[in-house]
Amino acid sequence: MPDEIIDQEQGQDQGQDQSQDQGNESQDWKAGLSDELKAEKSLESFKDVGGLAKSYVESQKMIGGSIRIPGEGATPDEIAAFHTKLGRPETVEGYEFVKPDLPEGVQWDDKLVGWFGLTAHSLGISKAQAQGIMQAWNDNQFEQGHEAQKSMKAGLDNLKESWGEQYPGNIELGVRGIERLLPANEAKEFKALMDSSGVGNNPLMLKYAHQIGKLLKADGYIIGDGHGGVLGVESAKAKIKEINADLKHPHWNPDTPGHKEAVDEMANLFKTAYPK
């Protein structure tokens, strides 16, 4: 029994010695450092070498996932690599802009989209950022287009109410008036532009065209059918052909009542059918 008690006491003494050694190690782990490092405030939070090592490992993990901002002397390749890490695609096509379903009155401009893609890529904008900007732009255009549609519809409704039954004839008169002022090929281009841009449905434009038509009709350059409508080029040619084939028509008989009116009608038909 005495021997066992001695062994236990020796074991306790050894444990105390080890604990004291570890405590001394914790207190003296900076003993081998230079005076400059010993005075470093950032090391005061570490109790031992193990704590310092753990902190070092964690910091290396963070550095591995970090991005270094290029300095003033950075090369183009370094700057390009930086933008790539931030999410910029390798090429402009990588932005993958998709044409959305557009409401009436809103046009998709391929040239504008191409310019935006080139600009975004040159400035290092990421794919997510570029698509976000594009979506915000589309939403803004949709909202403006929707408001323009509402305003135009309200204007057309007021015009229809104001013109009443004369609305179709007035529209036709305006169209013929514009066509009469321009060569055939330019008149066709003008009408296509009005349709594609939506200006052709603008109430103010319709009123303007109608006034032109009225003036030309009053001067005999546009022939009316008596019901608010007008004769176009082909209709005028057909009417000329019909009169020429009818030798009993007042146009060919000076002694027939209505001869003068028929001659004036033929002159106006030629103005419409064969504009200079």
C-alpha atoms as a PDB file:
ATOM      1  CA  MET A   1       0.000   0.000   0.000  1.00  0.00           C
ATOM      2  CA  PRO A   2       2.674   2.638   0.792  1.00  0.00           C
ATOM      3  CA  ASP A   3       4.276   2.035  -2.625  1.00  0.00           C
ATOM      4  CA  GLU A   4       0.928   2.677  -4.393  1.00  0.00           C
ATOM      5  CA  ILE A   5       0.447   5.931  -2.506  1.00  0.00           C
ATOM      6  CA  ILE A   6       3.913   7.070  -3.506  1.00  0.00           C
ATOM      7  CA  ASP A   7       3.202   6.266  -7.192  1.00  0.00           C
ATOM      8  CA  GLN A   8      -0.045   8.253  -7.100  1.00  0.00           C
ATOM      9  CA  GLU A   9       1.670  11.226  -5.501  1.00  0.00           C
ATOM     10  CA  GLN A  10       4.402  11.087  -8.146  1.00  0.00           C
ATOM     11  CA  GLY A  11       1.756  10.977 -10.927  1.00  0.00           C
ATOM     12  CA  GLN A  12       0.007  14.006  -9.474  1.00  0.00           C
ATOM     13  CA  ASP A  13       3.285  15.875  -9.274  1.00  0.00           C
ATOM     14  CA  GLN A  14       4.075  15.058 -12.915  1.00  0.00           C
ATOM     15  CA  GLY A  15       0.586  16.282 -14.009  1.00  0.00           C
ATOM     16  CA  GLN A  16       1.074  19.508 -12.127  1.00  0.00           C
ATOM     17  CA  ASP A  17       4.493  19.951 -13.695  1.00  0.00           C
ATOM     18  CA  GLN A  18       3.036  19.411 -17.227  1.00  0.00           C
ATOM     19  CA  SER A  19       0.217  21.874 -16.552  1.00  0.00           C
ATOM     20  CA  GLN A  20       2.716  24.427 -15.311  1.00  0.00           C
ATOM     21  CA  ASP A  21       4.885  23.841 -18.386  1.00  0.00           C
ATOM     22  CA  GLN A  22       1.882  24.375 -20.702  1.00  0.00           C
ATOM     23  CA  GLY A  23       0.953  27.530 -18.793  1.00  0.00           C
ATOM     24  CA  ASN A  24       4.505  28.796 -19.070  1.00  0.00           C
ATOM     25  CA  GLU A  25       4.473  27.914 -22.772  1.00  0.00           C
ATOM     26  CA  SER A  26       1.231  29.876 -23.247  1.00  0.00           C
ATOM     27  CA  GLN A  27       2.760  32.844 -21.518  1.00  0.00           C
ATOM     28  CA  ASP A  28       6.155  32.598 -23.203  1.00  0.00           C
ATOM     29  CA  TRP A  29       5.238  31.518 -26.786  1.00  0.00           C
ATOM     30  CA  LYS A  30       6.439  34.928 -28.055  1.00  0.00           C
ATOM     31  CA  ALA A  31       9.788  34.589 -26.275  1.00  0.00           C
ATOM     32  CA  GLY A  32      11.618  33.690 -29.475  1.00  0.00           C
ATOM     33  CA  LEU A  33      10.185  36.604 -31.449  1.00  0.00           C
ATOM     34  CA  SER A  34      11.966  39.863 -32.158  1.00  0.00           C
ATOM     35  CA  ASP A  35      11.168  42.853 -29.995  1.00  0.00           C
ATOM     36  CA  GLU A  36       9.240  44.404 -32.878  1.00  0.00           C
ATOM     37  CA  LEU A  37       6.952  41.368 -33.218  1.00  0.00           C
ATOM     38  CA  LYS A  38       6.557  41.052 -29.459  1.00  0.00           C
ATOM     39  CA  ALA A  39       5.200  44.582 -29.401  1.00  0.00           C
ATOM     40  CA  GLU A  40       2.729  43.883 -32.215  1.00  0.00           C
ATOM     41  CA  LYS A  41      -0.760  44.616 -30.846  1.00  0.00           C
ATOM     42  CA  SER A  42      -2.461  42.169 -33.221  1.00  0.00           C
ATOM     43  CA  LEU A  43      -0.668  39.241 -31.510  1.00  0.00           C
ATOM     44  CA  GLU A  44      -2.025  40.033 -28.060  1.00  0.00           C
ATOM     45  CA  SER A  45      -5.245  38.123 -28.733  1.00  0.00           C
ATOM     46  CA  PHE A  46      -3.363  34.841 -29.259  1.00  0.00           C
ATOM     47  CA  LYS A  47      -2.699  32.741 -26.146  1.00  0.00           C
ATOM     48  CA  ASP A  48      -0.392  30.204 -27.763  1.00  0.00           C
ATOM     49  CA  VAL A  49       1.169  29.056 -31.018  1.00  0.00           C
ATOM     50  CA  GLY A  50      -1.833  26.863 -31.774  1.00  0.00           C
ATOM     51  CA  GLY A  51      -4.159  29.868 -31.799  1.00  0.00           C
ATOM     52  CA  LEU A  52      -1.805  31.737 -34.098  1.00  0.00           C
ATOM     53  CA  ALA A  53      -1.568  28.757 -36.465  1.00  0.00           C
ATOM     54  CA  LYS A  54      -5.347  28.371 -36.594  1.00  0.00           C
ATOM     55  CA  SER A  55      -5.753  32.042 -37.414  1.00  0.00           C
ATOM     56  CA  TYR A  56      -3.155  31.780 -40.158  1.00  0.00           C
ATOM     57  CA  VAL A  57      -4.950  28.805 -41.766  1.00  0.00           C
ATOM     58  CA  GLU A  58      -8.282  30.643 -41.718  1.00  0.00           C
ATOM     59  CA  SER A  59      -6.761  33.762 -43.272  1.00  0.00           C
ATOM     60  CA  GLN A  60      -5.213  31.708 -46.080  1.00  0.00           C
ATOM     61  CA  LYS A  61      -8.624  30.244 -46.867  1.00  0.00           C
ATOM     62  CA  MET A  62     -10.064  33.739 -47.113  1.00  0.00           C
ATOM     63  CA  ILE A  63      -7.222  34.963 -49.310  1.00  0.00           C
ATOM     64  CA  GLY A  64      -7.774  32.039 -51.642  1.00  0.00           C
ATOM     65  CA  GLY A  65     -11.322  33.243 -52.397  1.00  0.00           C
ATOM     66  CA  SER A  66     -10.521  36.945 -52.550  1.00  0.00           C
ATOM     67  CA  ILE A  67     -10.085  39.192 -55.600  1.00  0.00           C
ATOM     68  CA  ARG A  68      -7.202  41.618 -55.844  1.00  0.00           C
ATOM     69  CA  ILE A  69      -8.086  44.972 -57.388  1.00  0.00           C
ATOM     70  CA  PRO A  70      -5.635  45.873 -60.195  1.00  0.00           C
ATOM     71  CA  GLY A  71      -3.388  48.811 -59.418  1.00  0.00           C
ATOM     72  CA  GLU A  72      -2.465  51.733 -61.673  1.00  0.00           C
ATOM     73  CA  GLY A  73       0.282  49.739 -63.371  1.00  0.00           C
ATOM     74  CA  ALA A  74      -1.865  46.682 -64.077  1.00  0.00           C
ATOM     75  CA  THR A  75      -1.641  45.179 -67.561  1.00  0.00           C
ATOM     76  CA  PRO A  76      -4.701  44.755 -69.834  1.00  0.00           C
ATOM     77  CA  ASP A  77      -4.580  41.004 -69.187  1.00  0.00           C
ATOM     78  CA  GLU A  78      -4.641  41.544 -65.423  1.00  0.00           C
ATOM     79  CA  ILE A  79      -7.564  43.935 -65.734  1.00  0.00           C
ATOM     80  CA  ALA A  80      -9.411  41.485 -68.010  1.00  0.00           C
ATOM     81  CA  ALA A  81      -8.832  38.661 -65.513  1.00  0.00           C
ATOM     82  CA  PHE A  82     -10.194  40.874 -62.741  1.00  0.00           C
ATOM     83  CA  HIS A  83     -13.392  41.594 -64.701  1.00  0.00           C
ATOM     84  CA  THR A  84     -13.780  37.897 -65.508  1.00  0.00           C
ATOM     85  CA  LYS A  85     -13.633  37.009 -61.810  1.00  0.00           C
ATOM     86  CA  LEU A  86     -16.335  39.590 -61.153  1.00  0.00           C
ATOM     87  CA  GLY A  87     -18.643  37.866 -63.649  1.00  0.00           C
ATOM     88  CA  ARG A  88     -18.059  39.538 -66.996  1.00  0.00           C
ATOM     89  CA  PRO A  89     -18.523  37.024 -69.852  1.00  0.00           C
ATOM     90  CA  GLU A  90     -15.667  36.318 -72.223  1.00  0.00           C
ATOM     91  CA  THR A  91     -17.515  37.905 -75.174  1.00  0.00           C
ATOM     92  CA  VAL A  92     -20.430  40.293 -75.710  1.00  0.00           C
ATOM     93  CA  GLU A  93     -22.572  37.345 -76.852  1.00  0.00           C
ATOM     94  CA  GLY A  94     -22.128  35.888 -73.377  1.00  0.00           C
ATOM     95  CA  TYR A  95     -24.571  38.463 -71.991  1.00  0.00           C
ATOM     96  CA  GLU A  96     -27.341  36.486 -73.741  1.00  0.00           C
ATOM     97  CA  PHE A  97     -29.794  39.333 -74.164  1.00  0.00           C
ATOM     98  CA  VAL A  98     -33.217  37.946 -75.127  1.00  0.00           C
ATOM     99  CA  LYS A  99     -35.807  39.946 -77.059  1.00  0.00           C
ATOM    100  CA  PRO A 100     -38.950  40.077 -74.893  1.00  0.00           C
ATOM    101  CA  ASP A 101     -42.567  40.139 -76.028  1.00  0.00           C
ATOM    102  CA  LEU A 102     -43.089  43.792 -76.892  1.00  0.00           C
ATOM    103  CA  PRO A 103     -46.368  45.663 -76.462  1.00  0.00           C
ATOM    104  CA  GLU A 104     -47.771  47.631 -79.375  1.00  0.00           C
ATOM    105  CA  GLY A 105     -45.935  50.889 -79.879  1.00  0.00           C
ATOM    106  CA  VAL A 106     -42.624  49.670 -78.397  1.00  0.00           C
ATOM    107  CA  GLN A 107     -39.833  48.885 -80.859  1.00  0.00           C
ATOM    108  CA  TRP A 108     -36.840  46.559 -80.314  1.00  0.00           C
ATOM    109  CA  ASP A 109     -33.687  48.333 -81.459  1.00  0.00           C
ATOM    110  CA  ASP A 110     -30.990  45.789 -82.388  1.00  0.00           C
ATOM    111  CA  LYS A 111     -28.406  48.537 -82.904  1.00  0.00           C
ATOM    112  CA  LEU A 112     -29.059  49.975 -79.449  1.00  0.00           C
ATOM    113  CA  VAL A 113     -28.813  46.519 -77.863  1.00  0.00           C
ATOM    114  CA  GLY A 114     -25.539  45.881 -79.694  1.00  0.00           C
ATOM    115  CA  TRP A 115     -24.131  49.218 -78.546  1.00  0.00           C
ATOM    116  CA  PHE A 116     -25.130  48.495 -74.951  1.00  0.00           C
ATOM    117  CA  GLY A 117     -23.474  45.065 -75.039  1.00  0.00           C
ATOM    118  CA  LEU A 118     -20.182  46.457 -76.356  1.00  0.00           C
ATOM    119  CA  THR A 119     -20.208  49.284 -73.831  1.00  0.00           C
ATOM    120  CA  ALA A 120     -21.028  46.995 -70.909  1.00  0.00           C
ATOM    121  CA  HIS A 121     -18.247  44.581 -71.882  1.00  0.00           C
ATOM    122  CA  SER A 122     -15.662  47.344 -72.257  1.00  0.00           C
ATOM    123  CA  LEU A 123     -16.543  48.663 -68.786  1.00  0.00           C
ATOM    124  CA  GLY A 124     -16.293  45.211 -67.185  1.00  0.00           C
ATOM    125  CA  ILE A 125     -19.977  44.910 -66.263  1.00  0.00           C
ATOM    126  CA  SER A 126     -20.939  41.413 -65.156  1.00  0.00           C
ATOM    127  CA  LYS A 127     -23.549  39.307 -66.920  1.00  0.00           C
ATOM    128  CA  ALA A 128     -26.005  39.592 -64.032  1.00  0.00           C
ATOM    129  CA  GLN A 129     -25.602  43.370 -63.877  1.00  0.00           C
ATOM    130  CA  ALA A 130     -26.012  43.831 -67.650  1.00  0.00           C
ATOM    131  CA  GLN A 131     -29.123  41.681 -67.754  1.00  0.00           C
ATOM    132  CA  GLY A 132     -30.506  43.578 -64.763  1.00  0.00           C
ATOM    133  CA  ILE A 133     -29.967  46.916 -66.510  1.00  0.00           C
ATOM    134  CA  MET A 134     -31.579  45.562 -69.689  1.00  0.00           C
ATOM    135  CA  GLN A 135     -34.599  44.316 -67.745  1.00  0.00           C
ATOM    136  CA  ALA A 136     -34.991  47.676 -66.005  1.00  0.00           C
ATOM    137  CA  TRP A 137     -34.818  49.440 -69.382  1.00  0.00           C
ATOM    138  CA  ASN A 138     -37.440  47.112 -70.878  1.00  0.00           C
ATOM    139  CA  ASP A 139     -39.763  47.626 -67.928  1.00  0.00           C
ATOM    140  CA  ASN A 140     -39.429  51.390 -68.334  1.00  0.00           C
ATOM    141  CA  GLN A 141     -40.162  51.218 -72.063  1.00  0.00           C
ATOM    142  CA  PHE A 142     -43.155  48.927 -71.489  1.00  0.00           C
ATOM    143  CA  GLU A 143     -44.602  51.350 -68.978  1.00  0.00           C
ATOM    144  CA  GLN A 144     -44.134  54.310 -71.310  1.00  0.00           C
ATOM    145  CA  GLY A 145     -45.595  52.360 -74.227  1.00  0.00           C
ATOM    146  CA  HIS A 146     -48.615  51.389 -72.150  1.00  0.00           C
ATOM    147  CA  GLU A 147     -49.260  54.990 -71.162  1.00  0.00           C
ATOM    148  CA  ALA A 148     -48.845  56.132 -74.781  1.00  0.00           C
ATOM    149  CA  GLN A 149     -51.350  53.501 -75.911  1.00  0.00           C
ATOM    150  CA  LYS A 150     -53.895  54.668 -73.361  1.00  0.00           C
ATOM    151  CA  SER A 151     -53.457  58.295 -74.371  1.00  0.00           C
ATOM    152  CA  MET A 152     -53.686  57.515 -78.104  1.00  0.00           C
ATOM    153  CA  LYS A 153     -56.799  55.377 -77.654  1.00  0.00           C
ATOM    154  CA  ALA A 154     -58.493  58.136 -75.706  1.00  0.00           C
ATOM    155  CA  GLY A 155     -57.619  60.606 -78.470  1.00  0.00           C
ATOM    156  CA  LEU A 156     -58.939  58.296 -81.211  1.00  0.00           C
ATOM    157  CA  ASP A 157     -62.162  57.705 -79.300  1.00  0.00           C
ATOM    158  CA  ASN A 158     -62.684  61.475 -79.040  1.00  0.00           C
ATOM    159  CA  LEU A 159     -61.957  61.912 -82.762  1.00  0.00           C
ATOM    160  CA  LYS A 160     -64.402  59.156 -83.725  1.00  0.00           C
ATOM    161  CA  GLU A 161     -67.056  60.750 -81.564  1.00  0.00           C
ATOM    162  CA  SER A 162     -66.352  64.161 -83.087  1.00  0.00           C
ATOM    163  CA  TRP A 163     -66.398  62.978 -86.725  1.00  0.00           C
ATOM    164  CA  GLY A 164     -69.172  60.448 -86.236  1.00  0.00           C
ATOM    165  CA  GLU A 165     -70.200  58.665 -89.445  1.00  0.00           C
ATOM    166  CA  GLN A 166     -67.714  60.757 -91.427  1.00  0.00           C
ATOM    167  CA  TYR A 167     -64.757  59.170 -89.624  1.00  0.00           C
ATOM    168  CA  PRO A 168     -63.919  56.468 -92.258  1.00  0.00           C
ATOM    169  CA  GLY A 169     -64.301  58.915 -95.141  1.00  0.00           C
ATOM    170  CA  ASN A 170     -62.207  61.585 -93.422  1.00  0.00           C
ATOM    171  CA  ILE A 171     -59.435  59.083 -92.761  1.00  0.00           C
ATOM    172  CA  GLU A 172     -59.488  57.966 -96.391  1.00  0.00           C
ATOM    173  CA  LEU A 173     -59.428  61.576 -97.581  1.00  0.00           C
ATOM    174  CA  GLY A 174     -56.386  62.270 -95.407  1.00  0.00           C
ATOM    175  CA  VAL A 175     -54.534  59.229 -96.717  1.00  0.00           C
ATOM    176  CA  ARG A 176     -55.241  60.212-100.328  1.00  0.00           C
ATOM    177  CA  GLY A 177     -54.147  63.754 -99.563  1.00  0.00           C
ATOM    178  CA  ILE A 178     -50.737  62.600 -98.314  1.00  0.00           C
ATOM    179  CA  GLU A 179     -50.374  60.225-101.261  1.00  0.00           C
ATOM    180  CA  ARG A 180     -51.292  62.976-103.707  1.00  0.00           C
ATOM    181  CA  LEU A 181     -48.517  65.258-102.438  1.00  0.00           C
ATOM    182  CA  LEU A 182     -45.747  62.659-102.829  1.00  0.00           C
ATOM    183  CA  PRO A 183     -44.460  60.463-105.665  1.00  0.00           C
ATOM    184  CA  ALA A 184     -45.902  56.960-105.521  1.00  0.00           C
ATOM    185  CA  ASN A 185     -42.757  55.319-104.095  1.00  0.00           C
ATOM    186  CA  GLU A 186     -42.276  57.977-101.420  1.00  0.00           C
ATOM    187  CA  ALA A 187     -45.955  57.914-100.517  1.00  0.00           C
ATOM    188  CA  LYS A 188     -45.657  54.170 -99.923  1.00  0.00           C
ATOM    189  CA  GLU A 189     -42.588  54.645 -97.705  1.00  0.00           C
ATOM    190  CA  PHE A 190     -44.313  57.441 -95.816  1.00  0.00           C
ATOM    191  CA  LYS A 191     -47.370  55.314 -95.102  1.00  0.00           C
ATOM    192  CA  ALA A 192     -45.170  52.410 -93.946  1.00  0.00           C
ATOM    193  CA  LEU A 193     -43.329  54.767 -91.603  1.00  0.00           C
ATOM    194  CA  MET A 194     -46.603  56.052 -90.157  1.00  0.00           C
ATOM    195  CA  ASP A 195     -47.785  52.479 -89.549  1.00  0.00           C
ATOM    196  CA  SER A 196     -44.528  51.182 -88.025  1.00  0.00           C
ATOM    197  CA  SER A 197     -43.989  54.167 -85.744  1.00  0.00           C
ATOM    198  CA  GLY A 198     -47.598  54.410 -84.602  1.00  0.00           C
ATOM    199  CA  VAL A 199     -47.777  58.061 -85.692  1.00  0.00           C
ATOM    200  CA  GLY A 200     -50.425  57.079 -88.228  1.00  0.00           C
ATOM    201  CA  ASN A 201     -52.836  56.525 -85.349  1.00  0.00           C
ATOM    202  CA  ASN A 202     -52.084  59.837 -83.685  1.00  0.00           C
ATOM    203  CA  PRO A 203     -55.280  61.951 -83.659  1.00  0.00           C
ATOM    204  CA  LEU A 204     -53.353  65.149 -84.403  1.00  0.00           C
ATOM    205  CA  MET A 205     -51.699  63.546 -87.434  1.00  0.00           C
ATOM    206  CA  LEU A 206     -55.076  62.307 -88.687  1.00  0.00           C
ATOM    207  CA  LYS A 207     -56.570  65.790 -88.380  1.00  0.00           C
ATOM    208  CA  TYR A 208     -53.603  67.284 -90.222  1.00  0.00           C
ATOM    209  CA  ALA A 209     -53.851  64.756 -93.077  1.00  0.00           C
ATOM    210  CA  HIS A 210     -57.601  65.363 -93.317  1.00  0.00           C
ATOM    211  CA  GLN A 211     -57.076  69.110 -93.736  1.00  0.00           C
ATOM    212  CA  ILE A 212     -54.591  68.437 -96.555  1.00  0.00           C
ATOM    213  CA  GLY A 213     -57.101  66.139 -98.208  1.00  0.00           C
ATOM    214  CA  LYS A 214     -59.862  68.730 -97.941  1.00  0.00           C
ATOM    215  CA  LEU A 215     -57.727  71.410 -99.579  1.00  0.00           C
ATOM    216  CA  LEU A 216     -56.680  69.133-102.439  1.00  0.00           C
ATOM    217  CA  LYS A 217     -60.236  67.971-102.938  1.00  0.00           C
ATOM    218  CA  ALA A 218     -61.443  71.564-103.098  1.00  0.00           C
ATOM    219  CA  ASP A 219     -58.833  72.273-105.799  1.00  0.00           C
ATOM    220  CA  GLY A 220     -59.928  69.250-107.806  1.00  0.00           C
ATOM    221  CA  TYR A 221     -56.848  67.130-107.194  1.00  0.00           C
ATOM    222  CA  ILE A 222     -58.864  64.540-105.313  1.00  0.00           C
ATOM    223  CA  ILE A 223     -62.240  63.329-106.573  1.00  0.00           C
ATOM    224  CA  GLY A 224     -64.906  62.491-104.001  1.00  0.00           C
ATOM    225  CA  ASP A 225     -67.565  59.871-104.342  1.00  0.00           C
ATOM    226  CA  GLY A 226     -70.213  61.939-102.587  1.00  0.00           C
ATOM    227  CA  HIS A 227     -70.113  59.892 -99.403  1.00  0.00           C
ATOM    228  CA  GLY A 228     -66.986  61.143 -97.697  1.00  0.00           C
ATOM    229  CA  GLY A 229     -64.729  58.684 -99.518  1.00  0.00           C
ATOM    230  CA  VAL A 230     -62.415  59.426-102.454  1.00  0.00           C
ATOM    231  CA  LEU A 231     -61.183  57.843-105.642  1.00  0.00           C
ATOM    232  CA  GLY A 232     -57.668  56.525-105.727  1.00  0.00           C
ATOM    233  CA  VAL A 233     -55.359  56.226-108.717  1.00  0.00           C
ATOM    234  CA  GLU A 234     -56.672  52.889-109.932  1.00  0.00           C
ATOM    235  CA  SER A 235     -60.284  53.879-109.416  1.00  0.00           C
ATOM    236  CA  ALA A 236     -59.708  57.095-111.378  1.00  0.00           C
ATOM    237  CA  LYS A 237     -58.139  55.146-114.246  1.00  0.00           C
ATOM    238  CA  ALA A 238     -61.072  52.757-114.273  1.00  0.00           C
ATOM    239  CA  LYS A 239     -63.502  55.686-114.373  1.00  0.00           C
ATOM    240  CA  ILE A 240     -61.627  57.251-117.306  1.00  0.00           C
ATOM    241  CA  LYS A 241     -61.774  53.968-119.173  1.00  0.00           C
ATOM    242  CA  GLU A 242     -65.481  53.692-118.495  1.00  0.00           C
ATOM    243  CA  ILE A 243     -66.189  57.230-119.827  1.00  0.00           C
ATOM    244  CA  ASN A 244     -64.030  56.662-122.912  1.00  0.00           C
ATOM    245  CA  ALA A 245     -65.992  53.509-123.723  1.00  0.00           C
ATOM    246  CA  ASP A 246     -69.354  55.247-123.425  1.00  0.00           C
ATOM    247  CA  LEU A 247     -69.806  57.455-126.505  1.00  0.00           C
ATOM    248  CA  LYS A 248     -73.161  58.643-125.168  1.00  0.00           C
ATOM    249  CA  HIS A 249     -71.527  60.077-122.058  1.00  0.00           C
ATOM    250  CA  PRO A 250     -72.016  63.857-121.684  1.00  0.00           C
ATOM    251  CA  HIS A 251     -68.253  64.261-121.951  1.00  0.00           C
ATOM    252  CA  TRP A 252     -68.438  63.426-125.664  1.00  0.00           C
ATOM    253  CA  ASN A 253     -71.614  65.379-126.458  1.00  0.00           C
ATOM    254  CA  PRO A 254     -71.313  69.176-126.184  1.00  0.00           C
ATOM    255  CA  ASP A 255     -75.031  69.653-126.665  1.00  0.00           C
ATOM    256  CA  THR A 256     -75.935  67.262-123.853  1.00  0.00           C
ATOM    257  CA  PRO A 257     -76.850  68.733-120.420  1.00  0.00           C
ATOM    258  CA  GLY A 258     -74.002  68.242-117.971  1.00  0.00           C
ATOM    259  CA  HIS A 259     -71.313  68.340-120.656  1.00  0.00           C
ATOM    260  CA  LYS A 260     -69.250  71.031-118.875  1.00  0.00           C
ATOM    261  CA  GLU A 261     -69.411  69.138-115.562  1.00  0.00           C
ATOM    262  CA  ALA A 262     -68.370  65.938-117.343  1.00  0.00           C
ATOM    263  CA  VAL A 263     -65.369  67.673-118.913  1.00  0.00           C
ATOM    264  CA  ASP A 264     -64.329  69.023-115.500  1.00  0.00           C
ATOM    265  CA  GLU A 265     -64.771  65.556-114.015  1.00  0.00           C
ATOM    266  CA  MET A 266     -62.557  64.020-116.681  1.00  0.00           C
ATOM    267  CA  ALA A 267     -59.882  66.648-116.048  1.00  0.00           C
ATOM    268  CA  ASN A 268     -59.937  65.875-112.336  1.00  0.00           C
ATOM    269  CA  LEU A 269     -59.833  62.152-113.035  1.00  0.00           C
ATOM    270  CA  PHE A 270     -56.658  62.639-115.060  1.00  0.00           C
ATOM    271  CA  LYS A 271     -55.138  64.664-112.214  1.00  0.00           C
ATOM    272  CA  THR A 272     -55.759  61.767-109.838  1.00  0.00           C
ATOM    273  CA  ALA A 273     -54.881  58.932-112.211  1.00  0.00           C
ATOM    274  CA  TYR A 274     -51.731  60.490-113.645  1.00  0.00           C
ATOM    275  CA  PRO A 275     -50.149  62.773-111.050  1.00  0.00           C
ATOM    276  CA  LYS A 276     -47.056  64.610-112.191  1.00  0.00           C
END
